Amino acid sequence: INPIYVRDAVAAIQRSLELPGSHKINVGGPEVLTLREIGHCIGRCLGQAPKFAEQPAIEPRHLVGDIRKMSQILINPTIDFETGIRLTLVAQEVYQEMRE
């Protein structure tokens, strides 16, 4: 899959509202990652090793969106997946501190 950070997704949606006519545009991030890579990245950010339960009888599905059109007429995503996870964790910490 090609996950996208929320700030980039919002920027793409905002820009799409300014477009004339009707368009079909995939919104996604610049990196293509497997669920295992995503899990390892989140584990690194949390300082914990991920645990995976595998089901080898299930054929993997690929859900990669072609983001060329998004990059040409909307935005180029600027936040890579690991940075997005780290920003999310910082925001969560700030939110928790505000609630205390």
PDB file of N, CA and C in Angstrom:
ATOM      1  N   ILE A   1       0.855  -1.184   0.000  1.00  0.00           N
ATOM      2  CA  ILE A   1       0.000   0.000   0.000  1.00  0.00           C
ATOM      3  C   ILE A   1       0.892   1.235   0.000  1.00  0.00           C
ATOM      4  N   ASN A   2       0.309   2.377  -0.301  1.00  0.00           N
ATOM      5  CA  ASN A   2       1.075   3.621  -0.233  1.00  0.00           C
ATOM      6  C   ASN A   2       0.349   4.607   0.694  1.00  0.00           C
ATOM      7  N   PRO A   3       0.622   4.441   2.007  1.00  0.00           N
ATOM      8  CA  PRO A   3      -0.045   5.298   2.987  1.00  0.00           C
ATOM      9  C   PRO A   3       0.382   6.759   2.851  1.00  0.00           C
ATOM     10  N   ILE A   4      -0.515   7.641   3.289  1.00  0.00           N
ATOM     11  CA  ILE A   4      -0.255   9.084   3.195  1.00  0.00           C
ATOM     12  C   ILE A   4      -0.509   9.716   4.549  1.00  0.00           C
ATOM     13  N   TYR A   5       0.325  10.671   4.910  1.00  0.00           N
ATOM     14  CA  TYR A   5       0.157  11.394   6.173  1.00  0.00           C
ATOM     15  C   TYR A   5      -1.060  12.310   6.063  1.00  0.00           C
ATOM     16  N   VAL A   6      -1.761  12.465   7.153  1.00  0.00           N
ATOM     17  CA  VAL A   6      -3.034  13.197   7.146  1.00  0.00           C
ATOM     18  C   VAL A   6      -2.882  14.624   6.619  1.00  0.00           C
ATOM     19  N   ARG A   7      -1.810  15.297   6.941  1.00  0.00           N
ATOM     20  CA  ARG A   7      -1.621  16.675   6.475  1.00  0.00           C
ATOM     21  C   ARG A   7      -1.528  16.733   4.951  1.00  0.00           C
ATOM     22  N   ASP A   8      -0.834  15.759   4.365  1.00  0.00           N
ATOM     23  CA  ASP A   8      -0.748  15.698   2.902  1.00  0.00           C
ATOM     24  C   ASP A   8      -2.104  15.356   2.294  1.00  0.00           C
ATOM     25  N   ALA A   9      -2.838  14.440   2.921  1.00  0.00           N
ATOM     26  CA  ALA A   9      -4.171  14.076   2.412  1.00  0.00           C
ATOM     27  C   ALA A   9      -5.106  15.276   2.451  1.00  0.00           C
ATOM     28  N   VAL A  10      -5.077  16.023   3.537  1.00  0.00           N
ATOM     29  CA  VAL A  10      -5.924  17.212   3.658  1.00  0.00           C
ATOM     30  C   VAL A  10      -5.550  18.250   2.606  1.00  0.00           C
ATOM     31  N   ALA A  11      -4.254  18.447   2.393  1.00  0.00           N
ATOM     32  CA  ALA A  11      -3.811  19.418   1.378  1.00  0.00           C
ATOM     33  C   ALA A  11      -4.302  19.003  -0.012  1.00  0.00           C
ATOM     34  N   ALA A  12      -4.253  17.705  -0.313  1.00  0.00           N
ATOM     35  CA  ALA A  12      -4.736  17.231  -1.616  1.00  0.00           C
ATOM     36  C   ALA A  12      -6.236  17.458  -1.750  1.00  0.00           C
ATOM     37  N   ILE A  13      -6.983  17.190  -0.703  1.00  0.00           N
ATOM     38  CA  ILE A  13      -8.436  17.385  -0.746  1.00  0.00           C
ATOM     39  C   ILE A  13      -8.769  18.869  -0.899  1.00  0.00           C
ATOM     40  N   GLN A  14      -8.079  19.711  -0.137  1.00  0.00           N
ATOM     41  CA  GLN A  14      -8.330  21.153  -0.253  1.00  0.00           C
ATOM     42  C   GLN A  14      -8.066  21.636  -1.671  1.00  0.00           C
ATOM     43  N   ARG A  15      -6.962  21.203  -2.241  1.00  0.00           N
ATOM     44  CA  ARG A  15      -6.615  21.613  -3.606  1.00  0.00           C
ATOM     45  C   ARG A  15      -7.633  21.079  -4.612  1.00  0.00           C
ATOM     46  N   SER A  16      -8.139  19.863  -4.375  1.00  0.00           N
ATOM     47  CA  SER A  16      -9.105  19.279  -5.311  1.00  0.00           C
ATOM     48  C   SER A  16     -10.400  20.080  -5.355  1.00  0.00           C
ATOM     49  N   LEU A  17     -10.735  20.750  -4.269  1.00  0.00           N
ATOM     50  CA  LEU A  17     -11.954  21.558  -4.233  1.00  0.00           C
ATOM     51  C   LEU A  17     -11.871  22.775  -5.152  1.00  0.00           C
ATOM     52  N   GLU A  18     -10.665  23.144  -5.544  1.00  0.00           N
ATOM     53  CA  GLU A  18     -10.457  24.284  -6.430  1.00  0.00           C
ATOM     54  C   GLU A  18     -10.468  23.890  -7.910  1.00  0.00           C
ATOM     55  N   LEU A  19     -10.465  22.589  -8.188  1.00  0.00           N
ATOM     56  CA  LEU A  19     -10.400  22.130  -9.579  1.00  0.00           C
ATOM     57  C   LEU A  19     -11.748  22.287 -10.276  1.00  0.00           C
ATOM     58  N   PRO A  20     -11.728  22.740 -11.508  1.00  0.00           N
ATOM     59  CA  PRO A  20     -12.977  22.766 -12.276  1.00  0.00           C
ATOM     60  C   PRO A  20     -13.296  21.364 -12.797  1.00  0.00           C
ATOM     61  N   GLY A  21     -14.540  21.062 -12.953  1.00  0.00           N
ATOM     62  CA  GLY A  21     -14.947  19.789 -13.546  1.00  0.00           C
ATOM     63  C   GLY A  21     -14.887  18.629 -12.570  1.00  0.00           C
ATOM     64  N   SER A  22     -14.980  17.453 -13.141  1.00  0.00           N
ATOM     65  CA  SER A  22     -14.985  16.213 -12.370  1.00  0.00           C
ATOM     66  C   SER A  22     -13.701  15.444 -12.647  1.00  0.00           C
ATOM     67  N   HIS A  23     -13.099  14.895 -11.602  1.00  0.00           N
ATOM     68  CA  HIS A  23     -11.831  14.182 -11.743  1.00  0.00           C
ATOM     69  C   HIS A  23     -11.841  12.930 -10.878  1.00  0.00           C
ATOM     70  N   LYS A  24     -11.073  11.946 -11.298  1.00  0.00           N
ATOM     71  CA  LYS A  24     -10.830  10.750 -10.501  1.00  0.00           C
ATOM     72  C   LYS A  24      -9.332  10.749 -10.207  1.00  0.00           C
ATOM     73  N   ILE A  25      -8.982  10.933  -8.922  1.00  0.00           N
ATOM     74  CA  ILE A  25      -7.577  11.079  -8.540  1.00  0.00           C
ATOM     75  C   ILE A  25      -7.297  10.194  -7.334  1.00  0.00           C
ATOM     76  N   ASN A  26      -6.292   9.339  -7.449  1.00  0.00           N
ATOM     77  CA  ASN A  26      -5.849   8.548  -6.297  1.00  0.00           C
ATOM     78  C   ASN A  26      -5.085   9.454  -5.353  1.00  0.00           C
ATOM     79  N   VAL A  27      -5.347   9.325  -4.072  1.00  0.00           N
ATOM     80  CA  VAL A  27      -4.620  10.075  -3.050  1.00  0.00           C
ATOM     81  C   VAL A  27      -3.827   9.058  -2.241  1.00  0.00           C
ATOM     82  N   GLY A  28      -2.509   9.201  -2.248  1.00  0.00           N
ATOM     83  CA  GLY A  28      -1.651   8.267  -1.533  1.00  0.00           C
ATOM     84  C   GLY A  28      -0.274   8.860  -1.342  1.00  0.00           C
ATOM     85  N   GLY A  29       0.509   8.177  -0.550  1.00  0.00           N
ATOM     86  CA  GLY A  29       1.855   8.638  -0.269  1.00  0.00           C
ATOM     87  C   GLY A  29       2.854   8.176  -1.314  1.00  0.00           C
ATOM     88  N   PRO A  30       4.077   8.687  -1.227  1.00  0.00           N
ATOM     89  CA  PRO A  30       5.084   8.383  -2.237  1.00  0.00           C
ATOM     90  C   PRO A  30       5.762   7.023  -2.056  1.00  0.00           C
ATOM     91  N   GLU A  31       5.584   6.405  -0.894  1.00  0.00           N
ATOM     92  CA  GLU A  31       6.250   5.131  -0.621  1.00  0.00           C
ATOM     93  C   GLU A  31       5.274   3.962  -0.772  1.00  0.00           C
ATOM     94  N   VAL A  32       5.757   2.884  -1.338  1.00  0.00           N
ATOM     95  CA  VAL A  32       4.976   1.656  -1.417  1.00  0.00           C
ATOM     96  C   VAL A  32       5.545   0.720  -0.359  1.00  0.00           C
ATOM     97  N   LEU A  33       4.712   0.366   0.619  1.00  0.00           N
ATOM     98  CA  LEU A  33       5.146  -0.434   1.757  1.00  0.00           C
ATOM     99  C   LEU A  33       4.268  -1.663   1.936  1.00  0.00           C
ATOM    100  N   THR A  34       4.877  -2.728   2.423  1.00  0.00           N
ATOM    101  CA  THR A  34       4.102  -3.902   2.801  1.00  0.00           C
ATOM    102  C   THR A  34       3.605  -3.697   4.232  1.00  0.00           C
ATOM    103  N   LEU A  35       2.624  -4.489   4.627  1.00  0.00           N
ATOM    104  CA  LEU A  35       2.148  -4.391   6.015  1.00  0.00           C
ATOM    105  C   LEU A  35       3.261  -4.747   6.993  1.00  0.00           C
ATOM    106  N   ARG A  36       4.127  -5.659   6.607  1.00  0.00           N
ATOM    107  CA  ARG A  36       5.265  -6.014   7.465  1.00  0.00           C
ATOM    108  C   ARG A  36       6.209  -4.809   7.623  1.00  0.00           C
ATOM    109  N   GLU A  37       6.488  -4.105   6.534  1.00  0.00           N
ATOM    110  CA  GLU A  37       7.344  -2.913   6.622  1.00  0.00           C
ATOM    111  C   GLU A  37       6.697  -1.840   7.486  1.00  0.00           C
ATOM    112  N   ILE A  38       5.401  -1.681   7.355  1.00  0.00           N
ATOM    113  CA  ILE A  38       4.674  -0.714   8.183  1.00  0.00           C
ATOM    114  C   ILE A  38       4.784  -1.098   9.647  1.00  0.00           C
ATOM    115  N   GLY A  39       4.576  -2.372   9.943  1.00  0.00           N
ATOM    116  CA  GLY A  39       4.681  -2.854  11.322  1.00  0.00           C
ATOM    117  C   GLY A  39       6.061  -2.639  11.902  1.00  0.00           C
ATOM    118  N   HIS A  40       7.108  -2.941  11.123  1.00  0.00           N
ATOM    119  CA  HIS A  40       8.477  -2.732  11.603  1.00  0.00           C
ATOM    120  C   HIS A  40       8.762  -1.251  11.835  1.00  0.00           C
ATOM    121  N   CYS A  41       8.268  -0.400  10.966  1.00  0.00           N
ATOM    122  CA  CYS A  41       8.472   1.043  11.119  1.00  0.00           C
ATOM    123  C   CYS A  41       7.800   1.550  12.398  1.00  0.00           C
ATOM    124  N   ILE A  42       6.570   1.153  12.612  1.00  0.00           N
ATOM    125  CA  ILE A  42       5.859   1.569  13.826  1.00  0.00           C
ATOM    126  C   ILE A  42       6.582   1.019  15.052  1.00  0.00           C
ATOM    127  N   GLY A  43       7.041  -0.218  14.966  1.00  0.00           N
ATOM    128  CA  GLY A  43       7.800  -0.806  16.073  1.00  0.00           C
ATOM    129  C   GLY A  43       9.054  -0.010  16.393  1.00  0.00           C
ATOM    130  N   ARG A  44       9.798   0.406  15.366  1.00  0.00           N
ATOM    131  CA  ARG A  44      10.990   1.237  15.583  1.00  0.00           C
ATOM    132  C   ARG A  44      10.622   2.529  16.303  1.00  0.00           C
ATOM    133  N   CYS A  45       9.545   3.161  15.854  1.00  0.00           N
ATOM    134  CA  CYS A  45       9.139   4.439  16.434  1.00  0.00           C
ATOM    135  C   CYS A  45       8.695   4.291  17.889  1.00  0.00           C
ATOM    136  N   LEU A  46       8.141   3.140  18.216  1.00  0.00           N
ATOM    137  CA  LEU A  46       7.674   2.877  19.584  1.00  0.00           C
ATOM    138  C   LEU A  46       8.734   2.202  20.445  1.00  0.00           C
ATOM    139  N   GLY A  47       9.828   1.757  19.819  1.00  0.00           N
ATOM    140  CA  GLY A  47      10.860   1.042  20.566  1.00  0.00           C
ATOM    141  C   GLY A  47      10.410  -0.355  20.967  1.00  0.00           C
ATOM    142  N   GLN A  48       9.550  -0.962  20.174  1.00  0.00           N
ATOM    143  CA  GLN A  48       9.041  -2.300  20.454  1.00  0.00           C
ATOM    144  C   GLN A  48       9.090  -3.138  19.187  1.00  0.00           C
ATOM    145  N   ALA A  49       9.408  -4.409  19.365  1.00  0.00           N
ATOM    146  CA  ALA A  49       9.415  -5.309  18.211  1.00  0.00           C
ATOM    147  C   ALA A  49       7.983  -5.730  17.895  1.00  0.00           C
ATOM    148  N   PRO A  50       7.578  -5.618  16.635  1.00  0.00           N
ATOM    149  CA  PRO A  50       6.217  -6.042  16.288  1.00  0.00           C
ATOM    150  C   PRO A  50       6.100  -7.564  16.282  1.00  0.00           C
ATOM    151  N   LYS A  51       4.881  -8.026  16.477  1.00  0.00           N
ATOM    152  CA  LYS A  51       4.589  -9.461  16.387  1.00  0.00           C
ATOM    153  C   LYS A  51       3.598  -9.640  15.250  1.00  0.00           C
ATOM    154  N   PHE A  52       3.879 -10.615  14.402  1.00  0.00           N
ATOM    155  CA  PHE A  52       3.039 -10.863  13.243  1.00  0.00           C
ATOM    156  C   PHE A  52       2.429 -12.256  13.329  1.00  0.00           C
ATOM    157  N   ALA A  53       1.184 -12.375  12.951  1.00  0.00           N
ATOM    158  CA  ALA A  53       0.531 -13.669  12.795  1.00  0.00           C
ATOM    159  C   ALA A  53       0.338 -13.878  11.299  1.00  0.00           C
ATOM    160  N   GLU A  54       0.985 -14.875  10.756  1.00  0.00           N
ATOM    161  CA  GLU A  54       0.925 -15.103   9.315  1.00  0.00           C
ATOM    162  C   GLU A  54      -0.090 -16.169   8.971  1.00  0.00           C
ATOM    163  N   GLN A  55      -0.724 -15.979   7.845  1.00  0.00           N
ATOM    164  CA  GLN A  55      -1.657 -16.951   7.296  1.00  0.00           C
ATOM    165  C   GLN A  55      -1.199 -17.243   5.871  1.00  0.00           C
ATOM    166  N   PRO A  56      -0.286 -18.197   5.719  1.00  0.00           N
ATOM    167  CA  PRO A  56       0.325 -18.427   4.403  1.00  0.00           C
ATOM    168  C   PRO A  56      -0.649 -18.879   3.321  1.00  0.00           C
ATOM    169  N   ALA A  57      -1.799 -19.397   3.685  1.00  0.00           N
ATOM    170  CA  ALA A  57      -2.742 -19.867   2.665  1.00  0.00           C
ATOM    171  C   ALA A  57      -3.459 -18.723   1.959  1.00  0.00           C
ATOM    172  N   ILE A  58      -3.365 -17.521   2.506  1.00  0.00           N
ATOM    173  CA  ILE A  58      -4.055 -16.369   1.919  1.00  0.00           C
ATOM    174  C   ILE A  58      -3.113 -15.649   0.954  1.00  0.00           C
ATOM    175  N   GLU A  59      -3.549 -15.463  -0.262  1.00  0.00           N
ATOM    176  CA  GLU A  59      -2.760 -14.762  -1.279  1.00  0.00           C
ATOM    177  C   GLU A  59      -2.740 -13.268  -0.943  1.00  0.00           C
ATOM    178  N   PRO A  60      -1.549 -12.619  -0.909  1.00  0.00           N
ATOM    179  CA  PRO A  60      -1.489 -11.193  -0.597  1.00  0.00           C
ATOM    180  C   PRO A  60      -2.166 -10.352  -1.676  1.00  0.00           C
ATOM    181  N   ARG A  61      -2.767  -9.248  -1.245  1.00  0.00           N
ATOM    182  CA  ARG A  61      -3.393  -8.307  -2.181  1.00  0.00           C
ATOM    183  C   ARG A  61      -2.563  -7.034  -2.202  1.00  0.00           C
ATOM    184  N   HIS A  62      -2.457  -6.452  -3.367  1.00  0.00           N
ATOM    185  CA  HIS A  62      -1.688  -5.223  -3.510  1.00  0.00           C
ATOM    186  C   HIS A  62      -2.661  -4.069  -3.728  1.00  0.00           C
ATOM    187  N   LEU A  63      -2.535  -3.039  -2.902  1.00  0.00           N
ATOM    188  CA  LEU A  63      -3.441  -1.890  -2.969  1.00  0.00           C
ATOM    189  C   LEU A  63      -2.638  -0.613  -3.157  1.00  0.00           C
ATOM    190  N   VAL A  64      -1.932  -0.537  -4.264  1.00  0.00           N
ATOM    191  CA  VAL A  64      -1.082   0.619  -4.539  1.00  0.00           C
ATOM    192  C   VAL A  64      -1.795   1.525  -5.536  1.00  0.00           C
ATOM    193  N   GLY A  65      -1.979   2.764  -5.130  1.00  0.00           N
ATOM    194  CA  GLY A  65      -2.606   3.739  -6.015  1.00  0.00           C
ATOM    195  C   GLY A  65      -1.573   4.473  -6.843  1.00  0.00           C
ATOM    196  N   ASP A  66      -1.893   4.707  -8.099  1.00  0.00           N
ATOM    197  CA  ASP A  66      -1.030   5.493  -8.979  1.00  0.00           C
ATOM    198  C   ASP A  66      -1.275   6.969  -8.637  1.00  0.00           C
ATOM    199  N   ILE A  67      -0.271   7.624  -8.055  1.00  0.00           N
ATOM    200  CA  ILE A  67      -0.455   9.006  -7.577  1.00  0.00           C
ATOM    201  C   ILE A  67       0.132  10.043  -8.536  1.00  0.00           C
ATOM    202  N   ARG A  68       0.453   9.639  -9.756  1.00  0.00           N
ATOM    203  CA  ARG A  68       1.017  10.605 -10.718  1.00  0.00           C
ATOM    204  C   ARG A  68       0.077  11.779 -10.960  1.00  0.00           C
ATOM    205  N   LYS A  69      -1.213  11.503 -11.130  1.00  0.00           N
ATOM    206  CA  LYS A  69      -2.169  12.591 -11.387  1.00  0.00           C
ATOM    207  C   LYS A  69      -2.261  13.514 -10.171  1.00  0.00           C
ATOM    208  N   MET A  70      -2.285  12.940  -8.976  1.00  0.00           N
ATOM    209  CA  MET A  70      -2.314  13.746  -7.759  1.00  0.00           C
ATOM    210  C   MET A  70      -1.093  14.671  -7.719  1.00  0.00           C
ATOM    211  N   SER A  71       0.073  14.109  -8.021  1.00  0.00           N
ATOM    212  CA  SER A  71       1.309  14.893  -7.986  1.00  0.00           C
ATOM    213  C   SER A  71       1.340  15.983  -9.050  1.00  0.00           C
ATOM    214  N   GLN A  72       0.686  15.739 -10.186  1.00  0.00           N
ATOM    215  CA  GLN A  72       0.693  16.714 -11.281  1.00  0.00           C
ATOM    216  C   GLN A  72      -0.273  17.863 -11.052  1.00  0.00           C
ATOM    217  N   ILE A  73      -1.488  17.575 -10.554  1.00  0.00           N
ATOM    218  CA  ILE A  73      -2.483  18.648 -10.488  1.00  0.00           C
ATOM    219  C   ILE A  73      -2.912  19.033  -9.069  1.00  0.00           C
ATOM    220  N   LEU A  74      -2.489  18.268  -8.066  1.00  0.00           N
ATOM    221  CA  LEU A  74      -2.851  18.633  -6.690  1.00  0.00           C
ATOM    222  C   LEU A  74      -1.611  18.987  -5.884  1.00  0.00           C
ATOM    223  N   ILE A  75      -0.982  17.990  -5.306  1.00  0.00           N
ATOM    224  CA  ILE A  75       0.214  18.216  -4.481  1.00  0.00           C
ATOM    225  C   ILE A  75       1.164  17.041  -4.636  1.00  0.00           C
ATOM    226  N   ASN A  76       2.403  17.262  -4.278  1.00  0.00           N
ATOM    227  CA  ASN A  76       3.363  16.184  -4.085  1.00  0.00           C
ATOM    228  C   ASN A  76       3.418  15.924  -2.585  1.00  0.00           C
ATOM    229  N   PRO A  77       3.132  14.707  -2.133  1.00  0.00           N
ATOM    230  CA  PRO A  77       3.210  14.437  -0.695  1.00  0.00           C
ATOM    231  C   PRO A  77       4.609  14.753  -0.171  1.00  0.00           C
ATOM    232  N   THR A  78       4.672  15.340   1.022  1.00  0.00           N
ATOM    233  CA  THR A  78       5.965  15.767   1.559  1.00  0.00           C
ATOM    234  C   THR A  78       6.404  14.988   2.790  1.00  0.00           C
ATOM    235  N   ILE A  79       5.496  14.263   3.424  1.00  0.00           N
ATOM    236  CA  ILE A  79       5.821  13.562   4.670  1.00  0.00           C
ATOM    237  C   ILE A  79       5.945  12.065   4.397  1.00  0.00           C
ATOM    238  N   ASP A  80       7.142  11.502   4.641  1.00  0.00           N
ATOM    239  CA  ASP A  80       7.323  10.060   4.465  1.00  0.00           C
ATOM    240  C   ASP A  80       6.658   9.320   5.632  1.00  0.00           C
ATOM    241  N   PHE A  81       6.469   8.020   5.480  1.00  0.00           N
ATOM    242  CA  PHE A  81       5.694   7.252   6.442  1.00  0.00           C
ATOM    243  C   PHE A  81       6.282   7.328   7.855  1.00  0.00           C
ATOM    244  N   GLU A  82       7.575   7.101   7.986  1.00  0.00           N
ATOM    245  CA  GLU A  82       8.166   7.096   9.335  1.00  0.00           C
ATOM    246  C   GLU A  82       8.054   8.467   9.994  1.00  0.00           C
ATOM    247  N   THR A  83       8.289   9.525   9.253  1.00  0.00           N
ATOM    248  CA  THR A  83       8.129  10.870   9.815  1.00  0.00           C
ATOM    249  C   THR A  83       6.682  11.089  10.252  1.00  0.00           C
ATOM    250  N   GLY A  84       5.736  10.626   9.446  1.00  0.00           N
ATOM    251  CA  GLY A  84       4.326  10.751   9.799  1.00  0.00           C
ATOM    252  C   GLY A  84       3.981  10.022  11.082  1.00  0.00           C
ATOM    253  N   ILE A  85       4.538   8.836  11.272  1.00  0.00           N
ATOM    254  CA  ILE A  85       4.305   8.096  12.519  1.00  0.00           C
ATOM    255  C   ILE A  85       4.899   8.865  13.689  1.00  0.00           C
ATOM    256  N   ARG A  86       6.105   9.367  13.532  1.00  0.00           N
ATOM    257  CA  ARG A  86       6.742  10.126  14.634  1.00  0.00           C
ATOM    258  C   ARG A  86       5.949  11.399  14.958  1.00  0.00           C
ATOM    259  N   LEU A  87       5.471  12.104  13.940  1.00  0.00           N
ATOM    260  CA  LEU A  87       4.647  13.295  14.178  1.00  0.00           C
ATOM    261  C   LEU A  87       3.347  12.930  14.898  1.00  0.00           C
ATOM    262  N   THR A  88       2.755  11.816  14.533  1.00  0.00           N
ATOM    263  CA  THR A  88       1.526  11.360  15.172  1.00  0.00           C
ATOM    264  C   THR A  88       1.775  11.035  16.641  1.00  0.00           C
ATOM    265  N   LEU A  89       2.893  10.375  16.942  1.00  0.00           N
ATOM    266  CA  LEU A  89       3.211  10.041  18.330  1.00  0.00           C
ATOM    267  C   LEU A  89       3.454  11.288  19.171  1.00  0.00           C
ATOM    268  N   VAL A  90       4.141  12.277  18.595  1.00  0.00           N
ATOM    269  CA  VAL A  90       4.370  13.541  19.310  1.00  0.00           C
ATOM    270  C   VAL A  90       3.038  14.232  19.577  1.00  0.00           C
ATOM    271  N   ALA A  91       2.172  14.274  18.577  1.00  0.00           N
ATOM    272  CA  ALA A  91       0.862  14.903  18.750  1.00  0.00           C
ATOM    273  C   ALA A  91       0.059  14.185  19.829  1.00  0.00           C
ATOM    274  N   GLN A  92       0.152  12.860  19.880  1.00  0.00           N
ATOM    275  CA  GLN A  92      -0.556  12.076  20.898  1.00  0.00           C
ATOM    276  C   GLN A  92      -0.037  12.415  22.287  1.00  0.00           C
ATOM    277  N   GLU A  93       1.281  12.568  22.416  1.00  0.00           N
ATOM    278  CA  GLU A  93       1.868  12.936  23.708  1.00  0.00           C
ATOM    279  C   GLU A  93       1.368  14.314  24.150  1.00  0.00           C
ATOM    280  N   VAL A  94       1.367  15.262  23.227  1.00  0.00           N
ATOM    281  CA  VAL A  94       0.899  16.616  23.551  1.00  0.00           C
ATOM    282  C   VAL A  94      -0.567  16.575  23.968  1.00  0.00           C
ATOM    283  N   TYR A  95      -1.361  15.822  23.263  1.00  0.00           N
ATOM    284  CA  TYR A  95      -2.793  15.695  23.581  1.00  0.00           C
ATOM    285  C   TYR A  95      -2.978  15.106  24.976  1.00  0.00           C
ATOM    286  N   GLN A  96      -2.212  14.080  25.305  1.00  0.00           N
ATOM    287  CA  GLN A  96      -2.320  13.467  26.623  1.00  0.00           C
ATOM    288  C   GLN A  96      -1.928  14.445  27.719  1.00  0.00           C
ATOM    289  N   GLU A  97      -0.879  15.234  27.497  1.00  0.00           N
ATOM    290  CA  GLU A  97      -0.444  16.224  28.482  1.00  0.00           C
ATOM    291  C   GLU A  97      -1.506  17.289  28.688  1.00  0.00           C
ATOM    292  N   MET A  98      -2.186  17.685  27.617  1.00  0.00           N
ATOM    293  CA  MET A  98      -3.230  18.696  27.728  1.00  0.00           C
ATOM    294  C   MET A  98      -4.421  18.178  28.541  1.00  0.00           C
ATOM    295  N   ARG A  99      -4.686  16.900  28.455  1.00  0.00           N
ATOM    296  CA  ARG A  99      -5.830  16.305  29.168  1.00  0.00           C
ATOM    297  C   ARG A  99      -5.550  16.107  30.647  1.00  0.00           C
ATOM    298  N   GLU A 100      -4.260  16.106  31.037  1.00  0.00           N
ATOM    299  CA  GLU A 100      -3.902  15.874  32.439  1.00  0.00           C
ATOM    300  C   GLU A 100      -4.010  17.118  33.260  1.00  0.00           C
TER     301      GLU A 100
END
